[in-house]
Amino acid sequence: MSNPVSQPVIPPQPNQQYYGVSALALFQTFTRETYLSAFGIQAPSYDPTRVIKTWFDSTVDTSNPSNVALYNIVGQDQSGNWRVQQMVMPAQEAATVNLPGAIAYAPYVVAPTQATRGGSGINPMYLSLQIEAQEIMTEVGGTSLLDEGNTLVFPVIYPANEPRRVWDVVFKGEALNVGMLLSMKYANGVGAPGHWDTSGSDPVWVSDPPAPTGTGDTRPPRPMPVRNLLPNEKFQTGLMGVGVIRADLQQNQEAQKGQFTADDRATLQTIYQIVSRLGI
């Protein structure tokens, strides 16, 4: 696993006459799947108190909860014109994504075993590591651990490469198989949230209610920070929304088509002004 890192990178100018504002984006966007693929860990759970946010900035200073981050974004002014505006947000929010979707927990997979008892193979579901058994004992409030296979009568014969044992935890005076408790705990995947109910004679794993996923969140997401427009760029609204026009390439295209360009119009205006002053 790695520490998630996302730093602002000024993108190069596309060699196109028209392109979407996404070409100005300073950060990579993520889904739950691409976040897991990039960093080897799950993205944080969706937070319904925040809007969806598909980017993050790991360079901001989050040492103080009152710190803020300042970015440029594309927005409309009061007249409806598109321009680069400023956006301020808490640094802690800037540093984290808020992705829709549920966290996918890895399924609990039990490796096969060559361990035997009385000459027959045993169910690997009954096996667990000692560290797992100790964790379960602490979680359920057990009093001790027993190696059920360590007995003179029908002992479990473990291969040299088998680190697991048939561990039991003593709970309220009864020996309970740790492997079965692990299967109960991980029924919804390893790490799925829940807690042990130890009020009865046996501990019972109670899964937490499903958390909000944000898949139905209709609020506008946090805008993507962008670079400033270059001198030869301007916003233009089209059928697909707002985009960016490269004025120099637009002018070249107009010239190739034999149309008046902006430079042509400026030249004619200058000539007209000179002729007017001469009274010709």
Protein backbone atom coordinates (compact mmCIF):
# COMPACT_ATOMS: atom_id res chain seq x y z
CA MET A 1 0.00 0.00 0.00
CA SER A 2 1.10 3.56 -0.62
CA ASN A 3 0.40 6.97 0.80
CA PRO A 4 -2.06 8.76 -1.53
CA VAL A 5 -0.30 11.65 -3.26
CA SER A 6 -1.90 14.14 -5.65
CA GLN A 7 -0.11 17.34 -6.58
CA PRO A 8 -1.22 20.18 -8.86
CA VAL A 9 0.28 19.98 -12.35
CA ILE A 10 -0.21 22.76 -14.92
CA PRO A 11 -1.34 20.96 -18.09
CA PRO A 12 0.13 21.86 -21.48
CA GLN A 13 -1.98 23.82 -23.92
CA PRO A 14 -3.75 21.50 -26.40
CA ASN A 15 -2.88 22.03 -30.04
CA GLN A 16 -6.57 22.31 -30.91
CA GLN A 17 -8.84 25.17 -31.88
CA TYR A 18 -11.48 24.18 -29.29
CA TYR A 19 -11.26 22.02 -26.16
CA GLY A 20 -13.17 21.45 -22.97
CA VAL A 21 -12.38 23.18 -19.69
CA SER A 22 -11.22 19.80 -18.38
CA ALA A 23 -8.03 20.46 -20.36
CA LEU A 24 -7.25 23.19 -17.81
CA ALA A 25 -7.55 20.85 -14.79
CA LEU A 26 -4.72 20.85 -12.25
CA PHE A 27 -5.52 17.48 -10.67
CA GLN A 28 -6.36 13.92 -11.65
CA THR A 29 -9.92 12.79 -10.98
CA PHE A 30 -10.71 9.48 -9.28
CA THR A 31 -13.46 6.94 -8.89
CA ARG A 32 -13.43 4.36 -6.10
CA GLU A 33 -11.95 1.85 -8.50
CA THR A 34 -9.16 4.09 -9.84
CA TYR A 35 -8.31 5.35 -6.33
CA LEU A 36 -7.86 1.78 -5.10
CA SER A 37 -5.84 0.88 -8.19
CA ALA A 38 -3.57 3.94 -7.84
CA PHE A 39 -2.88 3.77 -4.10
CA GLY A 40 -3.68 0.23 -3.00
CA ILE A 41 -6.14 1.40 -0.33
CA GLN A 42 -9.84 2.19 -0.25
CA ALA A 43 -10.95 5.79 -0.57
CA PRO A 44 -12.60 7.16 2.60
CA SER A 45 -16.30 6.45 3.06
CA TYR A 46 -18.66 8.89 1.36
CA ASP A 47 -19.48 11.78 3.71
CA PRO A 48 -23.07 13.02 3.22
CA THR A 49 -22.22 16.32 4.97
CA ARG A 50 -19.96 17.16 2.02
CA VAL A 51 -20.60 17.37 -1.71
CA ILE A 52 -18.99 14.89 -4.07
CA LYS A 53 -15.31 15.67 -4.73
CA THR A 54 -13.29 13.59 -7.19
CA TRP A 55 -9.87 15.23 -6.74
CA PHE A 56 -7.57 15.96 -3.82
CA ASP A 57 -4.48 18.04 -3.09
CA SER A 58 -1.91 16.37 -0.86
CA THR A 59 0.28 19.50 -0.82
CA VAL A 60 -2.04 21.61 1.37
CA ASP A 61 -1.19 22.30 5.01
CA THR A 62 -3.67 20.45 7.22
CA SER A 63 -1.74 20.95 10.47
CA ASN A 64 -4.32 23.47 11.70
CA PRO A 65 -8.07 22.83 11.30
CA SER A 66 -8.61 26.51 10.44
CA ASN A 67 -6.26 26.41 7.43
CA VAL A 68 -7.83 27.05 4.03
CA ALA A 69 -6.85 26.43 0.42
CA LEU A 70 -7.38 28.82 -2.50
CA TYR A 71 -7.93 27.71 -6.09
CA ASN A 72 -9.01 29.07 -9.47
CA ILE A 73 -12.12 27.50 -10.99
CA VAL A 74 -14.30 28.09 -14.05
CA GLY A 75 -17.61 29.77 -13.17
CA GLN A 76 -20.19 32.28 -14.34
CA ASP A 77 -20.43 35.87 -13.15
CA GLN A 78 -23.70 37.67 -12.40
CA SER A 79 -24.13 38.42 -16.10
CA GLY A 80 -23.81 34.77 -17.03
CA ASN A 81 -20.35 35.17 -18.57
CA TRP A 82 -17.83 32.41 -18.04
CA ARG A 83 -14.57 33.39 -16.41
CA VAL A 84 -11.90 32.18 -13.99
CA GLN A 85 -13.04 32.69 -10.40
CA GLN A 86 -11.55 31.93 -7.00
CA MET A 87 -12.72 29.18 -4.65
CA VAL A 88 -11.78 28.91 -0.97
CA MET A 89 -12.27 25.69 1.01
CA PRO A 90 -10.98 24.17 4.25
CA ALA A 91 -7.55 22.64 3.73
CA GLN A 92 -8.72 19.36 5.24
CA GLU A 93 -11.45 19.10 2.60
CA ALA A 94 -9.00 20.01 -0.15
CA ALA A 95 -6.74 17.16 0.96
CA THR A 96 -9.38 14.41 0.67
CA VAL A 97 -11.74 13.02 -1.92
CA ASN A 98 -15.44 12.41 -1.28
CA LEU A 99 -16.33 9.71 -3.76
CA PRO A 100 -19.78 8.20 -4.23
CA GLY A 101 -20.23 4.47 -3.95
CA ALA A 102 -19.85 1.86 -1.26
CA ILE A 103 -16.51 0.62 0.02
CA ALA A 104 -15.75 -2.81 -1.42
CA TYR A 105 -14.39 -5.13 1.26
CA ALA A 106 -12.24 -8.06 0.23
CA PRO A 107 -13.97 -11.43 0.62
CA TYR A 108 -12.78 -13.67 3.42
CA VAL A 109 -10.81 -16.45 1.73
CA VAL A 110 -9.61 -19.47 3.70
CA ALA A 111 -6.61 -21.24 2.25
CA PRO A 112 -6.75 -25.04 2.01
CA THR A 113 -4.73 -27.16 4.39
CA GLN A 114 -2.99 -30.52 4.45
CA ALA A 115 -3.58 -30.87 8.20
CA THR A 116 -5.21 -34.15 9.23
CA ARG A 117 -6.97 -35.64 12.22
CA GLY A 118 -7.38 -39.36 12.68
CA GLY A 119 -6.00 -39.89 9.19
CA SER A 120 -8.60 -37.63 7.54
CA GLY A 121 -8.36 -34.08 6.28
CA ILE A 122 -9.92 -31.32 8.36
CA ASN A 123 -12.01 -28.37 7.30
CA PRO A 124 -9.65 -25.36 6.92
CA MET A 125 -12.46 -23.10 8.19
CA TYR A 126 -11.61 -24.35 11.69
CA LEU A 127 -8.04 -23.02 11.42
CA SER A 128 -6.72 -19.61 12.44
CA LEU A 129 -3.47 -17.89 13.27
CA GLN A 130 -2.59 -17.36 16.91
CA ILE A 131 -2.59 -13.57 16.45
CA GLU A 132 -6.12 -13.77 15.01
CA ALA A 133 -7.21 -15.90 17.95
CA GLN A 134 -5.77 -13.41 20.42
CA GLU A 135 -7.57 -10.54 18.68
CA ILE A 136 -10.89 -12.40 18.78
CA MET A 137 -10.38 -13.23 22.47
CA THR A 138 -9.89 -9.52 23.21
CA GLU A 139 -12.86 -8.45 21.09
CA VAL A 140 -15.36 -10.85 22.67
CA GLY A 141 -13.95 -10.69 26.19
CA GLY A 142 -12.74 -14.29 26.29
CA THR A 143 -10.68 -15.59 29.17
CA SER A 144 -8.16 -17.87 27.46
CA LEU A 145 -7.16 -19.72 24.29
CA LEU A 146 -6.96 -23.46 23.68
CA ASP A 147 -5.21 -25.38 20.90
CA GLU A 148 -7.95 -27.93 20.28
CA GLY A 149 -5.66 -30.06 18.14
CA ASN A 150 -3.05 -30.42 20.86
CA THR A 151 -4.47 -33.54 22.50
CA LEU A 152 -3.40 -37.12 23.03
CA VAL A 153 -6.66 -38.40 21.57
CA PHE A 154 -6.99 -37.75 17.84
CA PRO A 155 -4.48 -34.89 17.70
CA VAL A 156 -4.35 -32.64 14.66
CA ILE A 157 -1.24 -33.32 12.57
CA TYR A 158 -0.02 -30.09 11.01
CA PRO A 159 2.40 -29.96 8.06
CA ALA A 160 5.61 -28.01 8.68
CA ASN A 161 4.42 -25.18 6.41
CA GLU A 162 1.04 -24.77 8.19
CA PRO A 163 1.18 -21.86 10.72
CA ARG A 164 -2.50 -22.07 11.64
CA ARG A 165 -3.99 -24.16 14.44
CA VAL A 166 -7.46 -25.18 15.59
CA TRP A 167 -7.70 -22.40 18.14
CA ASP A 168 -10.62 -22.11 20.55
CA VAL A 169 -11.46 -19.09 22.70
CA VAL A 170 -13.00 -19.73 26.11
CA PHE A 171 -16.10 -17.53 26.38
CA LYS A 172 -18.30 -17.75 29.46
CA GLY A 173 -16.77 -21.12 30.25
CA GLU A 174 -17.37 -22.59 26.78
CA ALA A 175 -14.74 -23.26 24.10
CA LEU A 176 -15.68 -21.66 20.77
CA ASN A 177 -13.80 -22.22 17.53
CA VAL A 178 -12.01 -19.06 16.42
CA GLY A 179 -12.16 -19.96 12.74
CA MET A 180 -15.95 -20.04 12.85
CA LEU A 181 -16.02 -16.70 14.68
CA LEU A 182 -13.80 -15.21 11.98
CA SER A 183 -16.16 -16.51 9.28
CA MET A 184 -19.03 -14.80 11.08
CA LYS A 185 -17.13 -11.53 11.47
CA TYR A 186 -16.05 -11.41 7.82
CA ALA A 187 -19.33 -12.53 6.24
CA ASN A 188 -19.60 -9.13 4.48
CA GLY A 189 -15.89 -8.93 3.72
CA VAL A 190 -12.69 -8.38 5.66
CA GLY A 191 -12.93 -5.06 7.46
CA ALA A 192 -16.66 -4.57 7.01
CA PRO A 193 -17.84 -2.53 10.02
CA GLY A 194 -19.79 -4.07 12.87
CA HIS A 195 -19.48 -5.17 16.49
CA TRP A 196 -19.80 -8.24 18.70
CA ASP A 197 -22.95 -8.72 20.72
CA THR A 198 -21.74 -10.65 23.77
CA SER A 199 -24.97 -10.50 25.77
CA GLY A 200 -25.92 -14.11 24.98
CA SER A 201 -24.29 -17.43 25.59
CA ASP A 202 -22.28 -17.09 22.35
CA PRO A 203 -20.88 -13.92 20.78
CA VAL A 204 -22.78 -12.79 17.68
CA TRP A 205 -21.38 -10.44 15.05
CA VAL A 206 -23.77 -7.57 14.24
CA SER A 207 -23.02 -5.75 10.99
CA ASP A 208 -23.43 -1.98 10.90
CA PRO A 209 -26.31 -0.61 8.79
CA PRO A 210 -25.31 0.26 5.22
CA ALA A 211 -23.60 3.65 5.10
CA PRO A 212 -24.74 6.40 2.68
CA THR A 213 -23.12 5.99 -0.72
CA GLY A 214 -23.91 9.33 -2.36
CA THR A 215 -25.02 7.65 -5.59
CA GLY A 216 -28.21 9.72 -5.50
CA ASP A 217 -26.52 12.98 -4.51
CA THR A 218 -27.80 15.63 -6.97
CA ARG A 219 -25.83 18.54 -5.50
CA PRO A 220 -23.17 20.03 -7.77
CA PRO A 221 -19.77 18.52 -6.96
CA ARG A 222 -16.77 20.54 -5.90
CA PRO A 223 -15.38 22.21 -9.04
CA MET A 224 -12.00 21.21 -10.37
CA PRO A 225 -9.17 23.73 -9.86
CA VAL A 226 -7.80 25.02 -13.17
CA ARG A 227 -4.88 26.99 -14.53
CA ASN A 228 -5.35 30.54 -15.74
CA LEU A 229 -6.23 31.16 -19.35
CA LEU A 230 -3.31 31.93 -21.64
CA PRO A 231 -3.34 35.15 -23.73
CA ASN A 232 -4.51 33.26 -26.81
CA GLU A 233 -7.38 31.51 -25.01
CA LYS A 234 -10.95 32.57 -24.30
CA PHE A 235 -14.13 30.88 -23.09
CA GLN A 236 -16.88 30.10 -25.56
CA THR A 237 -20.26 28.51 -24.96
CA GLY A 238 -21.32 25.78 -27.37
CA LEU A 239 -23.89 23.01 -27.66
CA MET A 240 -21.93 20.88 -25.18
CA GLY A 241 -21.49 23.69 -22.66
CA VAL A 242 -18.56 25.99 -22.06
CA GLY A 243 -15.22 25.31 -23.68
CA VAL A 244 -12.00 27.07 -24.58
CA ILE A 245 -11.13 28.63 -27.95
CA ARG A 246 -7.55 29.12 -29.06
CA ALA A 247 -7.79 32.49 -30.78
CA ASP A 248 -4.57 32.00 -32.75
CA LEU A 249 -5.72 28.73 -34.31
CA GLN A 250 -9.19 30.16 -34.95
CA GLN A 251 -7.59 33.07 -36.78
CA ASN A 252 -5.41 30.74 -38.84
CA GLN A 253 -8.45 28.72 -39.83
CA GLU A 254 -10.36 31.83 -40.85
CA ALA A 255 -7.40 32.96 -42.94
CA GLN A 256 -7.18 29.58 -44.66
CA LYS A 257 -10.87 29.84 -45.56
CA GLY A 258 -10.39 33.32 -46.99
CA GLN A 259 -12.41 34.93 -44.17
CA PHE A 260 -11.59 38.16 -42.40
CA THR A 261 -9.55 37.50 -39.31
CA ALA A 262 -9.36 39.60 -36.17
CA ASP A 263 -6.03 40.98 -37.41
CA ASP A 264 -7.60 41.84 -40.76
CA ARG A 265 -10.37 43.74 -39.02
CA ALA A 266 -7.86 45.58 -36.83
CA THR A 267 -5.77 46.53 -39.90
CA LEU A 268 -8.80 47.83 -41.80
CA GLN A 269 -9.86 49.86 -38.76
CA THR A 270 -6.40 51.45 -38.58
CA ILE A 271 -6.43 52.30 -42.31
CA TYR A 272 -9.92 53.79 -41.98
CA GLN A 273 -8.79 56.01 -39.10
CA ILE A 274 -5.74 57.24 -41.07
CA VAL A 275 -7.80 57.95 -44.19
CA SER A 276 -10.42 59.78 -42.13
CA ARG A 277 -7.80 62.08 -40.62
CA LEU A 278 -6.36 62.84 -44.10
CA GLY A 279 -9.81 63.70 -45.41
CA ILE A 280 -9.42 61.46 -48.43
